[in-house]
Amino acid sequence: MSKYKMKNSIWFVLFEGLKIYFSNIDKFILYMLFPVLGQVLGIALCFGLTLGLSDKIAAKADSISSAMLFILLLAIPGLLIFAKAFWDYVVAYVALNSMTEGAVTSGKVYDFKSHNEVATRRSFKYIGFLLILSVLMSLGTSIFFIIPGFVLWIYLILIFQIFTFEPDLSIWECYKKSFVLVKGDWGRTFSLMLILAFFSIFIITQGITVVFDYLNLTKSVCSIFDFIGKLLPLHTINHAFSYARLPYNITVEMVSNWIFVTILSCIVAGLTLPIRSICWSLWYKNLSDIKDTEQVKDTKRSKKITRKTKNEYRDE
């Protein structure tokens, strides 16, 4: 994307990103189908088989250990599907950046395998990269680090783009480079993140729920998850709320609706990952251009000062 002309505006990045996405929307959706729906299918298959058949297995098994073994075997197909889909999903974080570069230079997105290889041919480095990220994210979930962790996450939001476009950098250099690029533009980066999350996740999720409500499908779909609410000690929880004089009363229907909306949000977030990856790739390009321009100006300024100092020394 070195020759791509950028404007220093989050709105330009957003509109250019949407233009690239909708120009290749069929390819992006096709690419994300298995990584997203495969995870859902894997989890559903895993829990569906183990929870649905556990009572029958326990009744027919000779011992608890053999029952546990059969239940574990039932979970394996779902776990394998989930693991493959999850790996494809994390690979997509890098591959989509490469696709953005291809779309910018040629106007088309094709050859998914070659884009995937941007991550897979550096698998060990990428796994180390993800492990460090997971450690930082786990620290950020601590109650003592929520605010500092969130601030740090904005600084590190371009790490996947740097890993993609600057393969010679080490893992730590990728994190450091993201911090350097975002420094001075934290507010605008945060604003872009909010806009992307609002339009690519919240609005679409709410739109789908409205359609489900209009077609009277919400209640039918949510009823699939009623068994989870029935397993929870809702009576005890509601009694605790009543004792604490809190105006809450959680029902099985509320739990089912929450699970439905959560799953729907995750699916929408996964399928719209290309929009966010495209925009972050363009934002990376924009901030890189800004930093390069500043570096050139600083170099010229220091050369000018050095030249002036030498001239003064000669005059003396």
Protein backbone atom coordinates (compact mmCIF):
# COMPACT_ATOMS: atom_id res chain seq x y z
CA MET A 1 0.00 0.00 0.00
CA SER A 2 3.03 2.26 -0.25
CA LYS A 3 1.64 4.22 -3.22
CA TYR A 4 -1.89 4.50 -1.83
CA LYS A 5 -2.79 8.13 -1.17
CA MET A 6 -4.37 8.63 2.25
CA LYS A 7 -6.19 11.56 3.82
CA ASN A 8 -5.57 12.20 7.49
CA SER A 9 -9.20 11.60 8.51
CA ILE A 10 -11.00 8.77 10.29
CA TRP A 11 -14.03 9.40 8.05
CA PHE A 12 -11.94 8.94 4.93
CA VAL A 13 -10.62 5.68 6.36
CA LEU A 14 -14.15 4.55 7.23
CA PHE A 15 -15.64 5.33 3.81
CA GLU A 16 -12.67 3.86 1.92
CA GLY A 17 -12.88 0.75 4.07
CA LEU A 18 -16.60 0.35 3.38
CA LYS A 19 -16.00 0.87 -0.34
CA ILE A 20 -13.36 -1.88 -0.42
CA TYR A 21 -15.54 -4.20 1.67
CA PHE A 22 -18.74 -3.84 -0.36
CA SER A 23 -16.80 -4.13 -3.62
CA ASN A 24 -15.76 -7.63 -2.51
CA ILE A 25 -18.50 -8.46 0.00
CA ASP A 26 -19.26 -11.89 -1.47
CA LYS A 27 -15.63 -12.99 -1.16
CA PHE A 28 -15.25 -11.64 2.37
CA ILE A 29 -18.44 -13.34 3.60
CA LEU A 30 -17.46 -16.61 1.93
CA TYR A 31 -14.00 -16.40 3.51
CA MET A 32 -15.38 -15.82 7.03
CA LEU A 33 -18.20 -18.40 6.97
CA PHE A 34 -16.31 -21.42 8.30
CA PRO A 35 -14.08 -19.55 10.80
CA VAL A 36 -17.20 -18.03 12.39
CA LEU A 37 -19.96 -20.60 11.96
CA GLY A 38 -17.49 -23.45 12.45
CA GLN A 39 -16.82 -22.24 16.00
CA VAL A 40 -20.55 -22.05 16.70
CA LEU A 41 -21.12 -25.50 15.19
CA GLY A 42 -18.20 -26.98 17.13
CA ILE A 43 -19.44 -25.65 20.47
CA ALA A 44 -23.04 -26.67 19.73
CA LEU A 45 -21.96 -30.16 18.68
CA CYS A 46 -19.70 -30.56 21.70
CA PHE A 47 -22.28 -29.52 24.29
CA GLY A 48 -25.22 -30.99 22.40
CA LEU A 49 -23.75 -34.49 22.30
CA THR A 50 -22.27 -34.48 25.81
CA LEU A 51 -25.26 -32.93 27.59
CA GLY A 52 -27.87 -34.66 25.45
CA LEU A 53 -26.48 -38.17 25.82
CA SER A 54 -24.76 -37.98 29.22
CA ASP A 55 -27.76 -39.42 31.12
CA LYS A 56 -28.11 -42.39 28.75
CA ILE A 57 -24.37 -43.09 28.87
CA ALA A 58 -24.29 -42.87 32.68
CA ALA A 59 -27.19 -45.33 32.92
CA LYS A 60 -25.56 -47.92 30.64
CA ALA A 61 -21.89 -47.50 31.60
CA ASP A 62 -20.22 -50.04 33.88
CA SER A 63 -18.39 -47.37 35.88
CA ILE A 64 -18.02 -43.61 36.24
CA SER A 65 -14.61 -43.68 34.55
CA SER A 66 -15.96 -45.46 31.46
CA ALA A 67 -18.91 -43.04 31.33
CA MET A 68 -16.53 -40.07 31.46
CA LEU A 69 -14.44 -41.64 28.69
CA PHE A 70 -17.47 -42.06 26.41
CA ILE A 71 -18.61 -38.50 27.11
CA LEU A 72 -15.11 -37.23 26.31
CA LEU A 73 -15.12 -39.16 23.03
CA LEU A 74 -18.45 -37.57 22.14
CA ALA A 75 -16.93 -34.12 22.68
CA ILE A 76 -13.93 -34.72 20.38
CA PRO A 77 -15.66 -34.08 16.99
CA GLY A 78 -17.02 -30.75 18.18
CA LEU A 79 -13.68 -29.77 19.70
CA LEU A 80 -11.83 -30.58 16.47
CA ILE A 81 -14.25 -28.49 14.39
CA PHE A 82 -13.99 -25.64 16.89
CA ALA A 83 -10.17 -25.79 16.97
CA LYS A 84 -9.89 -25.69 13.16
CA ALA A 85 -12.39 -22.84 12.87
CA PHE A 86 -10.72 -20.89 15.67
CA TRP A 87 -7.29 -21.21 14.04
CA ASP A 88 -8.70 -20.07 10.71
CA TYR A 89 -10.27 -17.12 12.52
CA VAL A 90 -7.02 -15.93 14.12
CA VAL A 91 -5.24 -16.44 10.78
CA ALA A 92 -7.88 -14.18 9.23
CA TYR A 93 -6.67 -11.30 11.43
CA VAL A 94 -3.48 -11.28 9.36
CA ALA A 95 -4.82 -12.56 6.03
CA LEU A 96 -7.47 -9.83 5.83
CA ASN A 97 -4.77 -7.17 6.08
CA SER A 98 -2.98 -8.79 3.16
CA MET A 99 -6.29 -8.91 1.25
CA THR A 100 -6.72 -5.19 1.90
CA GLU A 101 -3.35 -4.53 0.32
CA GLY A 102 -4.37 -6.65 -2.67
CA ALA A 103 -7.71 -4.85 -2.98
CA VAL A 104 -5.99 -1.45 -2.82
CA THR A 105 -3.38 -2.29 -5.45
CA SER A 106 -5.46 -4.41 -7.85
CA GLY A 107 -9.05 -3.65 -6.85
CA LYS A 108 -9.76 -7.36 -6.35
CA VAL A 109 -9.59 -9.98 -3.61
CA TYR A 110 -8.57 -13.49 -4.64
CA ASP A 111 -6.28 -16.42 -3.81
CA PHE A 112 -7.21 -16.83 -0.13
CA LYS A 113 -4.48 -19.44 0.34
CA SER A 114 -1.64 -17.04 -0.45
CA HIS A 115 -3.08 -14.47 1.94
CA ASN A 116 -3.39 -17.10 4.68
CA GLU A 117 0.26 -17.98 4.18
CA VAL A 118 1.23 -14.51 5.38
CA ALA A 119 0.42 -15.91 8.83
CA THR A 120 0.83 -19.67 8.41
CA ARG A 121 4.36 -19.56 6.99
CA ARG A 122 5.33 -17.80 10.23
CA SER A 123 3.19 -20.04 12.45
CA PHE A 124 5.61 -20.29 15.40
CA LYS A 125 6.21 -16.56 15.46
CA TYR A 126 2.48 -15.90 15.13
CA ILE A 127 1.62 -18.29 17.97
CA GLY A 128 4.17 -16.52 20.19
CA PHE A 129 2.67 -13.21 19.11
CA LEU A 130 -0.82 -14.45 20.11
CA LEU A 131 0.40 -15.86 23.43
CA ILE A 132 1.83 -12.50 24.45
CA LEU A 133 -1.41 -10.83 23.38
CA SER A 134 -3.49 -13.31 25.41
CA VAL A 135 -1.36 -12.63 28.52
CA LEU A 136 -1.82 -8.88 28.12
CA MET A 137 -5.56 -9.33 27.60
CA SER A 138 -5.87 -11.54 30.68
CA LEU A 139 -4.09 -8.89 32.75
CA GLY A 140 -6.45 -6.28 31.32
CA THR A 141 -9.49 -8.20 32.61
CA SER A 142 -8.28 -7.83 36.20
CA ILE A 143 -10.32 -5.31 38.17
CA PHE A 144 -7.11 -3.46 39.03
CA PHE A 145 -6.03 -3.09 35.39
CA ILE A 146 -9.32 -2.52 33.52
CA ILE A 147 -8.74 1.18 32.79
CA PRO A 148 -4.95 0.96 32.20
CA GLY A 149 -5.53 -2.20 30.15
CA PHE A 150 -8.11 -0.47 27.97
CA VAL A 151 -5.82 2.50 27.38
CA LEU A 152 -2.97 0.12 26.51
CA TRP A 153 -5.20 -1.87 24.14
CA ILE A 154 -5.86 1.25 22.04
CA TYR A 155 -2.11 1.79 21.78
CA LEU A 156 -1.67 -1.83 20.65
CA ILE A 157 -4.65 -1.97 18.29
CA LEU A 158 -2.46 -1.94 15.15
CA ILE A 159 -0.26 -4.91 16.10
CA PHE A 160 -1.86 -7.27 13.55
CA GLN A 161 -1.31 -4.76 10.75
CA ILE A 162 2.33 -4.29 11.74
CA PHE A 163 2.84 -8.07 11.97
CA THR A 164 1.44 -8.33 8.43
CA PHE A 165 3.12 -5.42 6.67
CA GLU A 166 6.46 -5.39 8.51
CA PRO A 167 7.47 -9.08 8.69
CA ASP A 168 11.10 -8.29 9.56
CA LEU A 169 10.14 -6.87 12.95
CA SER A 170 10.34 -9.07 16.02
CA ILE A 171 7.26 -9.74 18.16
CA TRP A 172 8.19 -7.09 20.71
CA GLU A 173 9.01 -4.62 17.96
CA CYS A 174 5.49 -5.09 16.56
CA TYR A 175 4.02 -4.09 19.91
CA LYS A 176 6.44 -1.19 20.26
CA LYS A 177 5.74 0.05 16.72
CA SER A 178 1.99 0.09 17.35
CA PHE A 179 2.54 2.16 20.50
CA VAL A 180 4.70 4.62 18.55
CA LEU A 181 2.19 4.96 15.70
CA VAL A 182 -0.83 5.54 17.95
CA LYS A 183 1.05 7.91 20.26
CA GLY A 184 -0.34 11.39 19.64
CA ASP A 185 -3.42 9.96 17.89
CA TRP A 186 -4.92 7.93 20.74
CA GLY A 187 -8.17 9.92 20.74
CA ARG A 188 -8.78 9.54 17.01
CA THR A 189 -7.87 5.84 17.15
CA PHE A 190 -10.33 5.37 20.01
CA SER A 191 -13.02 7.25 18.05
CA LEU A 192 -12.48 5.04 15.00
CA MET A 193 -12.77 1.94 17.16
CA LEU A 194 -16.09 3.16 18.63
CA ILE A 195 -17.49 4.00 15.19
CA LEU A 196 -16.48 0.61 13.77
CA ALA A 197 -17.92 -1.27 16.76
CA PHE A 198 -21.16 0.71 16.63
CA PHE A 199 -21.83 0.27 12.92
CA SER A 200 -20.32 -3.18 12.26
CA ILE A 201 -21.56 -4.94 15.41
CA PHE A 202 -24.23 -3.09 17.42
CA ILE A 203 -26.38 -1.70 14.59
CA ILE A 204 -26.37 -4.95 12.58
CA THR A 205 -27.13 -7.05 15.68
CA GLN A 206 -30.02 -4.79 16.67
CA GLY A 207 -31.30 -4.84 13.10
CA ILE A 208 -31.37 -8.63 13.01
CA THR A 209 -33.16 -8.84 16.39
CA VAL A 210 -35.79 -6.38 15.10
CA VAL A 211 -36.34 -8.62 12.06
CA PHE A 212 -36.63 -11.69 14.31
CA ASP A 213 -39.14 -9.85 16.51
CA TYR A 214 -41.15 -8.74 13.48
CA LEU A 215 -41.31 -12.32 12.17
CA ASN A 216 -42.13 -13.65 15.67
CA LEU A 217 -39.05 -15.87 15.59
CA THR A 218 -37.26 -14.57 18.70
CA LYS A 219 -39.28 -16.59 21.20
CA SER A 220 -38.89 -19.80 19.20
CA VAL A 221 -35.13 -19.38 18.80
CA CYS A 222 -34.59 -18.35 22.42
CA SER A 223 -36.50 -21.40 23.67
CA ILE A 224 -33.60 -23.54 22.40
CA PHE A 225 -31.51 -22.17 25.27
CA ASP A 226 -34.15 -22.57 28.01
CA PHE A 227 -32.39 -25.67 29.36
CA ILE A 228 -29.41 -23.51 30.38
CA GLY A 229 -31.59 -21.15 32.41
CA LYS A 230 -33.26 -24.13 34.08
CA LEU A 231 -29.85 -25.42 35.20
CA LEU A 232 -29.07 -22.14 36.96
CA PRO A 233 -30.15 -21.50 40.60
CA LEU A 234 -32.35 -18.57 39.57
CA HIS A 235 -34.58 -18.91 42.65
CA THR A 236 -31.57 -18.46 44.93
CA ILE A 237 -30.25 -15.56 42.88
CA ASN A 238 -33.63 -13.78 42.87
CA HIS A 239 -33.98 -14.39 46.61
CA ALA A 240 -30.57 -12.74 47.13
CA PHE A 241 -31.70 -9.76 45.05
CA SER A 242 -34.88 -9.51 47.10
CA TYR A 243 -32.93 -9.71 50.36
CA ALA A 244 -30.64 -6.91 49.14
CA ARG A 245 -33.75 -4.92 48.09
CA LEU A 246 -32.65 -4.83 44.46
CA PRO A 247 -35.47 -4.59 41.88
CA TYR A 248 -34.28 -7.55 39.79
CA ASN A 249 -36.04 -10.78 38.93
CA ILE A 250 -34.17 -13.01 36.49
CA THR A 251 -36.28 -15.51 34.55
CA VAL A 252 -35.41 -18.42 32.28
CA GLU A 253 -36.68 -16.39 29.32
CA MET A 254 -34.32 -13.52 30.18
CA VAL A 255 -31.33 -15.88 30.33
CA SER A 256 -32.29 -17.46 27.00
CA ASN A 257 -32.70 -14.06 25.34
CA TRP A 258 -29.33 -12.91 26.69
CA ILE A 259 -27.64 -16.05 25.32
CA PHE A 260 -29.32 -15.58 21.93
CA VAL A 261 -28.24 -11.92 21.64
CA THR A 262 -24.71 -12.80 22.80
CA ILE A 263 -24.32 -15.57 20.20
CA LEU A 264 -25.81 -13.34 17.51
CA SER A 265 -23.42 -10.51 18.42
CA CYS A 266 -20.44 -12.88 18.23
CA ILE A 267 -21.53 -14.16 14.80
CA VAL A 268 -22.06 -10.61 13.51
CA ALA A 269 -18.70 -9.50 14.95
CA GLY A 270 -16.98 -12.43 13.25
CA LEU A 271 -18.60 -11.99 9.86
CA THR A 272 -17.89 -8.23 9.86
CA LEU A 273 -14.25 -8.66 10.91
CA PRO A 274 -13.16 -7.78 7.32
CA ILE A 275 -14.65 -4.28 7.67
CA ARG A 276 -12.63 -3.58 10.80
CA SER A 277 -9.44 -5.16 9.44
CA ILE A 278 -9.66 -3.10 6.25
CA CYS A 279 -10.16 0.13 8.17
CA TRP A 280 -7.34 -0.64 10.60
CA SER A 281 -5.02 -1.42 7.68
CA LEU A 282 -5.85 1.95 6.13
CA TRP A 283 -5.42 3.66 9.51
CA TYR A 284 -2.03 1.99 9.89
CA LYS A 285 -1.07 3.35 6.47
CA ASN A 286 -2.25 6.83 7.46
CA LEU A 287 -0.35 6.93 10.76
CA SER A 288 2.76 5.44 9.14
CA ASP A 289 2.71 8.22 6.53
CA ILE A 290 2.34 10.83 9.28
CA LYS A 291 5.25 9.44 11.30
CA ASP A 292 7.44 9.13 8.19
CA THR A 293 6.72 12.76 7.27
CA GLU A 294 7.54 13.89 10.81
CA GLN A 295 10.76 11.87 10.75
CA VAL A 296 11.81 13.47 7.44
CA LYS A 297 11.10 16.93 8.85
CA ASP A 298 13.07 16.16 12.02
CA THR A 299 15.99 14.88 9.93
CA LYS A 300 16.01 18.02 7.79
CA ARG A 301 15.74 20.19 10.89
CA SER A 302 18.64 18.45 12.63
CA LYS A 303 20.76 18.69 9.45
CA LYS A 304 19.96 22.39 9.22
CA ILE A 305 20.94 22.93 12.85
CA THR A 306 24.15 20.93 12.35
CA ARG A 307 25.01 22.94 9.24
CA LYS A 308 24.31 26.20 11.06
CA THR A 309 26.48 25.13 13.99
CA LYS A 310 29.36 24.26 11.66
CA ASN A 311 29.10 27.64 9.92
CA GLU A 312 29.17 29.47 13.25
CA TYR A 313 32.20 27.45 14.29
CA ARG A 314 34.02 28.38 11.07
CA ASP A 315 33.20 32.07 11.55
CA GLU A 316 34.81 31.94 14.95
